[in-house]
Amino acid sequence: MSDSPAARLQKLFEGHRLTPTQRRIAHCMVRGAAEVPFLSSVELAELAGVSQPSVTRFAVALGFDGYPALRRHLREVAPVGQGEGGSADAYNEYQQAVQGEIENLRRLSAMLADPAPVVEAGRLLAESTPLPVLGLRAASSQARGFAYFAAKVHPDVRLLDEGGSMLADRIDAAVTAGASALLCFALPRHPREVAEALEHGRAAGLTVVTVADSAFAPVARHSDLLIPAPVGTGLAFDTACAPMLLGRVLLEAMADALPDAQARLEAFDARAAARGLFVE
């Protein structure tokens, strides 16, 4: 397991039933793990967009007497040299956004030190025929990219990238056709339709595998297996390099679990060459 500040915070929050507001605070703390031990309750509240009493209640929910006790605990486990100052001041805003994404990828790499969740997800996805892949609004590109490549090795991939009243119908159709799992990409801001679709899918008997920006995302309670990949927030619109890469990792794990994946790839390459699909 990773010993990064973010991983330590993640472990601290595990096993606690948190309210939506508390999950928001937890998500904020994980994203700024190195700086959080040096923030006041007021500063953390402003950063998370909640009230200062909410931060206090959050600390109590974790088993501390209050926020000062939680902050003391965080400072004790924070590595030396983290927190105030740092070389980030030398970067302009665009470079800072890139550096933020690099850090997100480091966190993803650390999480993948334990490959068991990804291997399990790959097995679940490989065993589901058809395989519905859900992603709405900001997450639609992640879902579409996964579905495009997955179709080269999986016999029946069904992309669900449009909301509306027909979304539940398409999930029902997949279940009727034999689907046993659903893969969901869920990114901020989280559309209400996604949570409703996952709730509907689970009620229909699907096992929900979710890639989300945080283990505390609103879709967590509607997922059977959630694997987090942080998004970048340094620009006007979030960046999602880590979720995209995690999608490719899941694709690899699924292909490893499909006995005929290599044969399907070779057959596609032969057809592509015969049709002259790609420029050499």
C-alpha atoms as a PDB file:
ATOM      1  CA  MET A   1       0.000   0.000   0.000  1.00  0.00           C
ATOM      2  CA  SER A   2       1.114   3.618  -0.601  1.00  0.00           C
ATOM      3  CA  ASP A   3       2.456   5.663   2.308  1.00  0.00           C
ATOM      4  CA  SER A   4       1.701   9.025   0.696  1.00  0.00           C
ATOM      5  CA  PRO A   5      -0.185  11.743   2.634  1.00  0.00           C
ATOM      6  CA  ALA A   6      -3.242  11.151   0.448  1.00  0.00           C
ATOM      7  CA  ALA A   7      -3.150   7.407   1.132  1.00  0.00           C
ATOM      8  CA  ARG A   8      -2.860   8.020   4.871  1.00  0.00           C
ATOM      9  CA  LEU A   9      -5.865  10.309   4.806  1.00  0.00           C
ATOM     10  CA  GLN A  10      -7.818   7.806   2.737  1.00  0.00           C
ATOM     11  CA  LYS A  11      -7.086   5.135   5.348  1.00  0.00           C
ATOM     12  CA  LEU A  12      -8.193   7.492   8.130  1.00  0.00           C
ATOM     13  CA  PHE A  13     -11.605   7.937   6.496  1.00  0.00           C
ATOM     14  CA  GLU A  14     -12.202   4.256   5.755  1.00  0.00           C
ATOM     15  CA  GLY A  15     -14.886   2.563   7.815  1.00  0.00           C
ATOM     16  CA  HIS A  16     -16.724   5.780   8.694  1.00  0.00           C
ATOM     17  CA  ARG A  17     -20.240   6.493   7.464  1.00  0.00           C
ATOM     18  CA  LEU A  18     -19.982  10.082   6.286  1.00  0.00           C
ATOM     19  CA  THR A  19     -22.719  12.465   5.252  1.00  0.00           C
ATOM     20  CA  PRO A  20     -22.564  14.076   1.793  1.00  0.00           C
ATOM     21  CA  THR A  21     -21.095  17.240   3.347  1.00  0.00           C
ATOM     22  CA  GLN A  22     -18.524  15.207   5.248  1.00  0.00           C
ATOM     23  CA  ARG A  23     -17.602  13.298   2.090  1.00  0.00           C
ATOM     24  CA  ARG A  24     -17.030  16.651   0.426  1.00  0.00           C
ATOM     25  CA  ILE A  25     -14.636  17.672   3.203  1.00  0.00           C
ATOM     26  CA  ALA A  26     -12.857  14.306   3.011  1.00  0.00           C
ATOM     27  CA  HIS A  27     -12.501  14.613  -0.766  1.00  0.00           C
ATOM     28  CA  CYS A  28     -11.063  18.113  -0.380  1.00  0.00           C
ATOM     29  CA  MET A  29      -8.577  16.906   2.242  1.00  0.00           C
ATOM     30  CA  VAL A  30      -7.366  14.010   0.093  1.00  0.00           C
ATOM     31  CA  ARG A  31      -6.843  16.327  -2.880  1.00  0.00           C
ATOM     32  CA  GLY A  32      -4.786  18.727  -0.748  1.00  0.00           C
ATOM     33  CA  ALA A  33      -3.258  16.146   1.579  1.00  0.00           C
ATOM     34  CA  ALA A  34       0.127  17.859   1.939  1.00  0.00           C
ATOM     35  CA  GLU A  35      -1.340  21.245   2.892  1.00  0.00           C
ATOM     36  CA  VAL A  36      -4.306  20.216   5.050  1.00  0.00           C
ATOM     37  CA  PRO A  37      -2.328  19.745   8.312  1.00  0.00           C
ATOM     38  CA  PHE A  38      -1.470  23.444   8.185  1.00  0.00           C
ATOM     39  CA  LEU A  39      -4.997  24.787   7.568  1.00  0.00           C
ATOM     40  CA  SER A  40      -7.322  26.195  10.185  1.00  0.00           C
ATOM     41  CA  SER A  41     -10.895  24.931  10.378  1.00  0.00           C
ATOM     42  CA  VAL A  42     -12.051  28.160   8.744  1.00  0.00           C
ATOM     43  CA  GLU A  43      -9.556  27.778   5.887  1.00  0.00           C
ATOM     44  CA  LEU A  44     -10.534  24.139   5.350  1.00  0.00           C
ATOM     45  CA  ALA A  45     -14.213  25.087   5.370  1.00  0.00           C
ATOM     46  CA  GLU A  46     -13.604  27.741   2.715  1.00  0.00           C
ATOM     47  CA  LEU A  47     -11.557  25.325   0.632  1.00  0.00           C
ATOM     48  CA  ALA A  48     -14.259  22.652   0.779  1.00  0.00           C
ATOM     49  CA  GLY A  49     -17.135  25.117   0.373  1.00  0.00           C
ATOM     50  CA  VAL A  50     -18.819  24.171   3.656  1.00  0.00           C
ATOM     51  CA  SER A  51     -19.439  25.864   6.998  1.00  0.00           C
ATOM     52  CA  GLN A  52     -16.885  25.907   9.811  1.00  0.00           C
ATOM     53  CA  PRO A  53     -19.217  23.934  12.162  1.00  0.00           C
ATOM     54  CA  SER A  54     -19.403  21.250   9.471  1.00  0.00           C
ATOM     55  CA  VAL A  55     -15.625  20.830   9.708  1.00  0.00           C
ATOM     56  CA  THR A  56     -15.899  20.454  13.475  1.00  0.00           C
ATOM     57  CA  ARG A  57     -18.670  17.852  13.167  1.00  0.00           C
ATOM     58  CA  PHE A  58     -16.567  16.040  10.570  1.00  0.00           C
ATOM     59  CA  ALA A  59     -13.627  15.793  12.995  1.00  0.00           C
ATOM     60  CA  VAL A  60     -15.922  14.456  15.714  1.00  0.00           C
ATOM     61  CA  ALA A  61     -17.375  11.893  13.280  1.00  0.00           C
ATOM     62  CA  LEU A  62     -13.825  10.581  12.791  1.00  0.00           C
ATOM     63  CA  GLY A  63     -13.442  10.092  16.542  1.00  0.00           C
ATOM     64  CA  PHE A  64     -11.557  13.262  17.501  1.00  0.00           C
ATOM     65  CA  ASP A  65     -12.549  15.792  20.174  1.00  0.00           C
ATOM     66  CA  GLY A  66     -12.622  18.503  17.546  1.00  0.00           C
ATOM     67  CA  TYR A  67     -10.753  19.870  14.568  1.00  0.00           C
ATOM     68  CA  PRO A  68      -7.613  20.904  16.529  1.00  0.00           C
ATOM     69  CA  ALA A  69      -7.170  17.283  17.631  1.00  0.00           C
ATOM     70  CA  LEU A  70      -7.606  16.076  14.050  1.00  0.00           C
ATOM     71  CA  ARG A  71      -5.082  18.625  12.797  1.00  0.00           C
ATOM     72  CA  ARG A  72      -2.558  17.585  15.468  1.00  0.00           C
ATOM     73  CA  HIS A  73      -2.966  13.984  14.325  1.00  0.00           C
ATOM     74  CA  LEU A  74      -2.426  14.975  10.697  1.00  0.00           C
ATOM     75  CA  ARG A  75       0.723  16.931  11.569  1.00  0.00           C
ATOM     76  CA  GLU A  76       2.110  13.917  13.421  1.00  0.00           C
ATOM     77  CA  VAL A  77       1.728  11.668  10.403  1.00  0.00           C
ATOM     78  CA  ALA A  78       2.651  14.297   7.765  1.00  0.00           C
ATOM     79  CA  PRO A  79       6.099  13.774   6.241  1.00  0.00           C
ATOM     80  CA  VAL A  80       8.782  16.336   7.031  1.00  0.00           C
ATOM     81  CA  GLY A  81       8.987  19.118   4.473  1.00  0.00           C
ATOM     82  CA  GLN A  82       5.368  18.945   3.343  1.00  0.00           C
ATOM     83  CA  GLY A  83       3.042  21.853   3.767  1.00  0.00           C
ATOM     84  CA  GLU A  84       4.187  25.450   3.746  1.00  0.00           C
ATOM     85  CA  GLY A  85       6.244  26.856   0.941  1.00  0.00           C
ATOM     86  CA  GLY A  86       7.454  24.577  -1.832  1.00  0.00           C
ATOM     87  CA  SER A  87       8.612  24.915  -5.394  1.00  0.00           C
ATOM     88  CA  ALA A  88       5.099  25.353  -6.783  1.00  0.00           C
ATOM     89  CA  ASP A  89       5.580  29.124  -6.594  1.00  0.00           C
ATOM     90  CA  ALA A  90       8.107  28.869  -9.431  1.00  0.00           C
ATOM     91  CA  TYR A  91       5.462  27.645 -11.887  1.00  0.00           C
ATOM     92  CA  ASN A  92       2.915  29.718 -13.778  1.00  0.00           C
ATOM     93  CA  GLU A  93      -0.746  28.738 -13.619  1.00  0.00           C
ATOM     94  CA  TYR A  94      -0.564  26.476 -16.661  1.00  0.00           C
ATOM     95  CA  GLN A  95       2.488  24.660 -15.358  1.00  0.00           C
ATOM     96  CA  GLN A  96       0.828  24.301 -11.974  1.00  0.00           C
ATOM     97  CA  ALA A  97      -2.106  22.570 -13.651  1.00  0.00           C
ATOM     98  CA  VAL A  98       0.302  20.131 -15.321  1.00  0.00           C
ATOM     99  CA  GLN A  99       2.161  19.560 -12.069  1.00  0.00           C
ATOM    100  CA  GLY A 100      -1.169  18.873 -10.386  1.00  0.00           C
ATOM    101  CA  GLU A 101      -1.944  16.201 -12.970  1.00  0.00           C
ATOM    102  CA  ILE A 102       1.506  14.671 -12.484  1.00  0.00           C
ATOM    103  CA  GLU A 103       0.776  14.407  -8.774  1.00  0.00           C
ATOM    104  CA  ASN A 104      -2.606  12.826  -9.546  1.00  0.00           C
ATOM    105  CA  LEU A 105      -0.858  10.214 -11.673  1.00  0.00           C
ATOM    106  CA  ARG A 106       1.598   9.539  -8.854  1.00  0.00           C
ATOM    107  CA  ARG A 107      -1.329   8.943  -6.520  1.00  0.00           C
ATOM    108  CA  LEU A 108      -2.890   6.594  -9.055  1.00  0.00           C
ATOM    109  CA  SER A 109       0.393   4.720  -9.380  1.00  0.00           C
ATOM    110  CA  ALA A 110       0.639   4.369  -5.614  1.00  0.00           C
ATOM    111  CA  MET A 111      -2.916   3.037  -5.425  1.00  0.00           C
ATOM    112  CA  LEU A 112      -2.155   0.455  -8.125  1.00  0.00           C
ATOM    113  CA  ALA A 113       0.571  -1.017  -5.897  1.00  0.00           C
ATOM    114  CA  ASP A 114      -2.309  -3.218  -4.762  1.00  0.00           C
ATOM    115  CA  PRO A 115      -3.680  -4.531  -8.078  1.00  0.00           C
ATOM    116  CA  ALA A 116      -6.417  -6.677  -6.516  1.00  0.00           C
ATOM    117  CA  PRO A 117      -9.320  -4.217  -7.061  1.00  0.00           C
ATOM    118  CA  VAL A 118      -8.385  -3.715 -10.726  1.00  0.00           C
ATOM    119  CA  VAL A 119      -7.958  -7.443 -11.319  1.00  0.00           C
ATOM    120  CA  GLU A 120     -11.368  -8.085  -9.735  1.00  0.00           C
ATOM    121  CA  ALA A 121     -12.925  -5.331 -11.845  1.00  0.00           C
ATOM    122  CA  GLY A 122     -11.391  -6.809 -14.986  1.00  0.00           C
ATOM    123  CA  ARG A 123     -12.870 -10.200 -14.181  1.00  0.00           C
ATOM    124  CA  LEU A 124     -16.331  -8.744 -13.581  1.00  0.00           C
ATOM    125  CA  LEU A 125     -16.257  -6.796 -16.849  1.00  0.00           C
ATOM    126  CA  ALA A 126     -14.954  -9.749 -18.850  1.00  0.00           C
ATOM    127  CA  GLU A 127     -17.706 -12.028 -17.546  1.00  0.00           C
ATOM    128  CA  SER A 128     -20.512  -9.621 -18.497  1.00  0.00           C
ATOM    129  CA  THR A 129     -21.980 -10.087 -21.976  1.00  0.00           C
ATOM    130  CA  PRO A 130     -23.173  -7.603 -22.986  1.00  0.00           C
ATOM    131  CA  LEU A 131     -21.098  -5.031 -21.112  1.00  0.00           C
ATOM    132  CA  PRO A 132     -22.835  -1.650 -20.632  1.00  0.00           C
ATOM    133  CA  VAL A 133     -20.446   1.284 -20.175  1.00  0.00           C
ATOM    134  CA  LEU A 134     -21.984   4.418 -18.666  1.00  0.00           C
ATOM    135  CA  GLY A 135     -20.640   7.966 -18.734  1.00  0.00           C
ATOM    136  CA  LEU A 136     -22.659  11.179 -18.936  1.00  0.00           C
ATOM    137  CA  ARG A 137     -21.660  14.800 -19.485  1.00  0.00           C
ATOM    138  CA  ALA A 138     -18.015  15.323 -18.379  1.00  0.00           C
ATOM    139  CA  ALA A 139     -17.452  11.570 -18.145  1.00  0.00           C
ATOM    140  CA  SER A 140     -18.859  10.749 -21.578  1.00  0.00           C
ATOM    141  CA  SER A 141     -15.448  10.958 -23.264  1.00  0.00           C
ATOM    142  CA  GLN A 142     -13.979   8.527 -20.729  1.00  0.00           C
ATOM    143  CA  ALA A 143     -16.802   6.050 -21.334  1.00  0.00           C
ATOM    144  CA  ARG A 144     -16.591   6.435 -25.110  1.00  0.00           C
ATOM    145  CA  GLY A 145     -12.830   5.901 -25.158  1.00  0.00           C
ATOM    146  CA  PHE A 146     -13.111   2.759 -23.039  1.00  0.00           C
ATOM    147  CA  ALA A 147     -15.975   1.392 -25.132  1.00  0.00           C
ATOM    148  CA  TYR A 148     -14.094   2.028 -28.391  1.00  0.00           C
ATOM    149  CA  PHE A 149     -11.106  -0.066 -27.379  1.00  0.00           C
ATOM    150  CA  ALA A 150     -13.091  -2.611 -25.362  1.00  0.00           C
ATOM    151  CA  ALA A 151     -15.110  -3.505 -28.466  1.00  0.00           C
ATOM    152  CA  LYS A 152     -11.909  -4.835 -30.056  1.00  0.00           C
ATOM    153  CA  VAL A 153     -11.608  -7.596 -27.439  1.00  0.00           C
ATOM    154  CA  HIS A 154     -15.093  -7.928 -25.896  1.00  0.00           C
ATOM    155  CA  PRO A 155     -17.941  -9.486 -27.923  1.00  0.00           C
ATOM    156  CA  ASP A 156     -20.673  -6.992 -26.949  1.00  0.00           C
ATOM    157  CA  VAL A 157     -19.987  -3.529 -25.511  1.00  0.00           C
ATOM    158  CA  ARG A 158     -22.892  -1.103 -25.157  1.00  0.00           C
ATOM    159  CA  LEU A 159     -22.045   2.568 -24.698  1.00  0.00           C
ATOM    160  CA  LEU A 160     -24.480   4.562 -22.544  1.00  0.00           C
ATOM    161  CA  ASP A 161     -23.437   8.194 -22.985  1.00  0.00           C
ATOM    162  CA  GLU A 162     -26.812   9.881 -23.309  1.00  0.00           C
ATOM    163  CA  GLY A 163     -29.242  10.535 -20.477  1.00  0.00           C
ATOM    164  CA  GLY A 164     -32.991  10.825 -20.607  1.00  0.00           C
ATOM    165  CA  SER A 165     -35.885   8.478 -20.064  1.00  0.00           C
ATOM    166  CA  MET A 166     -34.441   5.844 -22.400  1.00  0.00           C
ATOM    167  CA  LEU A 167     -31.350   5.292 -20.241  1.00  0.00           C
ATOM    168  CA  ALA A 168     -33.186   2.932 -17.879  1.00  0.00           C
ATOM    169  CA  ASP A 169     -34.655   1.134 -20.899  1.00  0.00           C
ATOM    170  CA  ARG A 170     -31.182   0.504 -22.314  1.00  0.00           C
ATOM    171  CA  ILE A 171     -29.952  -0.804 -18.984  1.00  0.00           C
ATOM    172  CA  ASP A 172     -32.953  -3.126 -18.804  1.00  0.00           C
ATOM    173  CA  ALA A 173     -32.246  -4.331 -22.346  1.00  0.00           C
ATOM    174  CA  ALA A 174     -28.650  -5.138 -21.398  1.00  0.00           C
ATOM    175  CA  VAL A 175     -29.835  -7.106 -18.351  1.00  0.00           C
ATOM    176  CA  THR A 176     -32.362  -9.007 -20.477  1.00  0.00           C
ATOM    177  CA  ALA A 177     -29.575  -9.858 -22.936  1.00  0.00           C
ATOM    178  CA  GLY A 178     -27.475 -11.340 -20.120  1.00  0.00           C
ATOM    179  CA  ALA A 179     -25.395  -8.485 -18.669  1.00  0.00           C
ATOM    180  CA  SER A 180     -24.065  -9.120 -15.169  1.00  0.00           C
ATOM    181  CA  ALA A 181     -21.977  -5.963 -14.640  1.00  0.00           C
ATOM    182  CA  LEU A 182     -21.949  -2.289 -15.581  1.00  0.00           C
ATOM    183  CA  LEU A 183     -18.908  -0.027 -15.818  1.00  0.00           C
ATOM    184  CA  CYS A 184     -19.488   3.609 -14.913  1.00  0.00           C
ATOM    185  CA  PHE A 185     -17.235   6.635 -15.300  1.00  0.00           C
ATOM    186  CA  ALA A 186     -18.395   9.348 -12.886  1.00  0.00           C
ATOM    187  CA  LEU A 187     -16.692  12.746 -12.791  1.00  0.00           C
ATOM    188  CA  PRO A 188     -17.594  16.155 -11.321  1.00  0.00           C
ATOM    189  CA  ARG A 189     -20.025  17.674 -11.485  1.00  0.00           C
ATOM    190  CA  HIS A 190     -21.933  14.464 -10.847  1.00  0.00           C
ATOM    191  CA  PRO A 191     -25.207  14.338 -12.813  1.00  0.00           C
ATOM    192  CA  ARG A 192     -28.214  13.162 -10.836  1.00  0.00           C
ATOM    193  CA  GLU A 193     -29.050  10.841 -13.743  1.00  0.00           C
ATOM    194  CA  VAL A 194     -25.880   8.832 -13.160  1.00  0.00           C
ATOM    195  CA  ALA A 195     -26.773   8.012  -9.556  1.00  0.00           C
ATOM    196  CA  GLU A 196     -30.308   7.141 -10.614  1.00  0.00           C
ATOM    197  CA  ALA A 197     -29.029   4.911 -13.424  1.00  0.00           C
ATOM    198  CA  LEU A 198     -26.676   3.060 -11.088  1.00  0.00           C
ATOM    199  CA  GLU A 199     -29.425   2.585  -8.539  1.00  0.00           C
ATOM    200  CA  HIS A 200     -31.656   1.210 -11.292  1.00  0.00           C
ATOM    201  CA  GLY A 201     -28.911  -1.076 -12.567  1.00  0.00           C
ATOM    202  CA  ARG A 202     -28.171  -2.551  -9.152  1.00  0.00           C
ATOM    203  CA  ALA A 203     -31.870  -3.114  -8.529  1.00  0.00           C
ATOM    204  CA  ALA A 204     -31.952  -5.029 -11.832  1.00  0.00           C
ATOM    205  CA  GLY A 205     -29.131  -7.270 -10.626  1.00  0.00           C
ATOM    206  CA  LEU A 206     -26.035  -5.658 -12.154  1.00  0.00           C
ATOM    207  CA  THR A 207     -22.734  -5.431 -10.307  1.00  0.00           C
ATOM    208  CA  VAL A 208     -21.597  -1.813 -10.641  1.00  0.00           C
ATOM    209  CA  VAL A 209     -17.898  -1.058 -11.169  1.00  0.00           C
ATOM    210  CA  THR A 210     -17.198   2.675 -10.980  1.00  0.00           C
ATOM    211  CA  VAL A 211     -14.275   4.923 -11.830  1.00  0.00           C
ATOM    212  CA  ALA A 212     -14.827   8.148  -9.881  1.00  0.00           C
ATOM    213  CA  ASP A 213     -12.788  11.145  -8.833  1.00  0.00           C
ATOM    214  CA  SER A 214     -12.935  10.127  -5.173  1.00  0.00           C
ATOM    215  CA  ALA A 215     -13.948   7.254  -2.918  1.00  0.00           C
ATOM    216  CA  PHE A 216     -16.342   9.777  -1.375  1.00  0.00           C
ATOM    217  CA  ALA A 217     -18.054  10.735  -4.643  1.00  0.00           C
ATOM    218  CA  PRO A 218     -21.885  10.781  -4.567  1.00  0.00           C
ATOM    219  CA  VAL A 219     -21.995   7.595  -6.668  1.00  0.00           C
ATOM    220  CA  ALA A 220     -20.048   5.610  -4.052  1.00  0.00           C
ATOM    221  CA  ARG A 221     -23.166   4.326  -2.311  1.00  0.00           C
ATOM    222  CA  HIS A 222     -24.518   3.067  -5.639  1.00  0.00           C
ATOM    223  CA  SER A 223     -21.335   1.146  -6.551  1.00  0.00           C
ATOM    224  CA  ASP A 224     -20.224  -2.366  -5.671  1.00  0.00           C
ATOM    225  CA  LEU A 225     -16.591  -1.699  -6.556  1.00  0.00           C
ATOM    226  CA  LEU A 226     -15.340   1.887  -6.801  1.00  0.00           C
ATOM    227  CA  ILE A 227     -11.785   2.658  -7.885  1.00  0.00           C
ATOM    228  CA  PRO A 228     -10.838   6.325  -7.434  1.00  0.00           C
ATOM    229  CA  ALA A 229      -8.721   8.425  -9.776  1.00  0.00           C
ATOM    230  CA  PRO A 230      -8.376  12.130  -8.896  1.00  0.00           C
ATOM    231  CA  VAL A 231      -9.133  14.919 -11.341  1.00  0.00           C
ATOM    232  CA  GLY A 232      -7.165  18.136 -11.745  1.00  0.00           C
ATOM    233  CA  THR A 233      -8.798  21.372 -10.643  1.00  0.00           C
ATOM    234  CA  GLY A 234      -6.119  23.892 -11.549  1.00  0.00           C
ATOM    235  CA  LEU A 235      -7.886  25.181 -14.673  1.00  0.00           C
ATOM    236  CA  ALA A 236     -11.368  26.560 -15.305  1.00  0.00           C
ATOM    237  CA  PHE A 237     -12.498  23.054 -16.312  1.00  0.00           C
ATOM    238  CA  ASP A 238     -11.381  19.873 -14.559  1.00  0.00           C
ATOM    239  CA  THR A 239      -8.731  17.707 -16.196  1.00  0.00           C
ATOM    240  CA  ALA A 240      -9.047  13.930 -16.100  1.00  0.00           C
ATOM    241  CA  CYS A 241      -5.732  12.317 -17.049  1.00  0.00           C
ATOM    242  CA  ALA A 242      -5.815   9.893 -14.112  1.00  0.00           C
ATOM    243  CA  PRO A 243      -9.379   8.628 -14.783  1.00  0.00           C
ATOM    244  CA  MET A 244      -8.494   8.152 -18.449  1.00  0.00           C
ATOM    245  CA  LEU A 245      -5.375   6.153 -17.592  1.00  0.00           C
ATOM    246  CA  LEU A 246      -7.287   4.099 -15.021  1.00  0.00           C
ATOM    247  CA  GLY A 247      -9.792   3.288 -17.764  1.00  0.00           C
ATOM    248  CA  ARG A 248      -6.958   1.908 -19.894  1.00  0.00           C
ATOM    249  CA  VAL A 249      -5.667  -0.100 -16.936  1.00  0.00           C
ATOM    250  CA  LEU A 250      -9.132  -1.611 -16.471  1.00  0.00           C
ATOM    251  CA  LEU A 251      -9.192  -2.352 -20.182  1.00  0.00           C
ATOM    252  CA  GLU A 252      -5.915  -4.253 -19.829  1.00  0.00           C
ATOM    253  CA  ALA A 253      -7.241  -6.188 -16.819  1.00  0.00           C
ATOM    254  CA  MET A 254     -10.418  -7.066 -18.720  1.00  0.00           C
ATOM    255  CA  ALA A 255      -8.448  -8.234 -21.752  1.00  0.00           C
ATOM    256  CA  ASP A 256      -6.279 -10.398 -19.498  1.00  0.00           C
ATOM    257  CA  ALA A 257      -9.458 -12.062 -18.216  1.00  0.00           C
ATOM    258  CA  LEU A 258     -10.870 -12.702 -21.710  1.00  0.00           C
ATOM    259  CA  PRO A 259      -9.524 -15.987 -23.102  1.00  0.00           C
ATOM    260  CA  ASP A 260      -9.906 -14.936 -26.751  1.00  0.00           C
ATOM    261  CA  ALA A 261      -8.812 -11.297 -26.468  1.00  0.00           C
ATOM    262  CA  GLN A 262      -5.554 -11.795 -28.379  1.00  0.00           C
ATOM    263  CA  ALA A 263      -7.293 -13.722 -31.151  1.00  0.00           C
ATOM    264  CA  ARG A 264      -9.862 -10.941 -31.515  1.00  0.00           C
ATOM    265  CA  LEU A 265      -7.108  -8.319 -31.748  1.00  0.00           C
ATOM    266  CA  GLU A 266      -5.252 -10.287 -34.391  1.00  0.00           C
ATOM    267  CA  ALA A 267      -8.461 -10.790 -36.374  1.00  0.00           C
ATOM    268  CA  PHE A 268      -9.163  -7.040 -36.247  1.00  0.00           C
ATOM    269  CA  ASP A 269      -5.636  -6.226 -37.408  1.00  0.00           C
ATOM    270  CA  ALA A 270      -6.053  -8.618 -40.339  1.00  0.00           C
ATOM    271  CA  ARG A 271      -9.360  -7.028 -41.360  1.00  0.00           C
ATOM    272  CA  ALA A 272      -7.930  -3.531 -40.984  1.00  0.00           C
ATOM    273  CA  ALA A 273      -4.978  -4.404 -43.203  1.00  0.00           C
ATOM    274  CA  ALA A 274      -7.240  -5.969 -45.830  1.00  0.00           C
ATOM    275  CA  ARG A 275      -9.417  -2.854 -45.903  1.00  0.00           C
ATOM    276  CA  GLY A 276      -6.548  -0.400 -45.776  1.00  0.00           C
ATOM    277  CA  LEU A 277      -8.041   1.351 -42.737  1.00  0.00           C
ATOM    278  CA  PHE A 278      -4.842   2.941 -41.505  1.00  0.00           C
ATOM    279  CA  VAL A 279      -2.043   4.840 -43.215  1.00  0.00           C
ATOM    280  CA  GLU A 280       1.320   3.153 -42.732  1.00  0.00           C
END
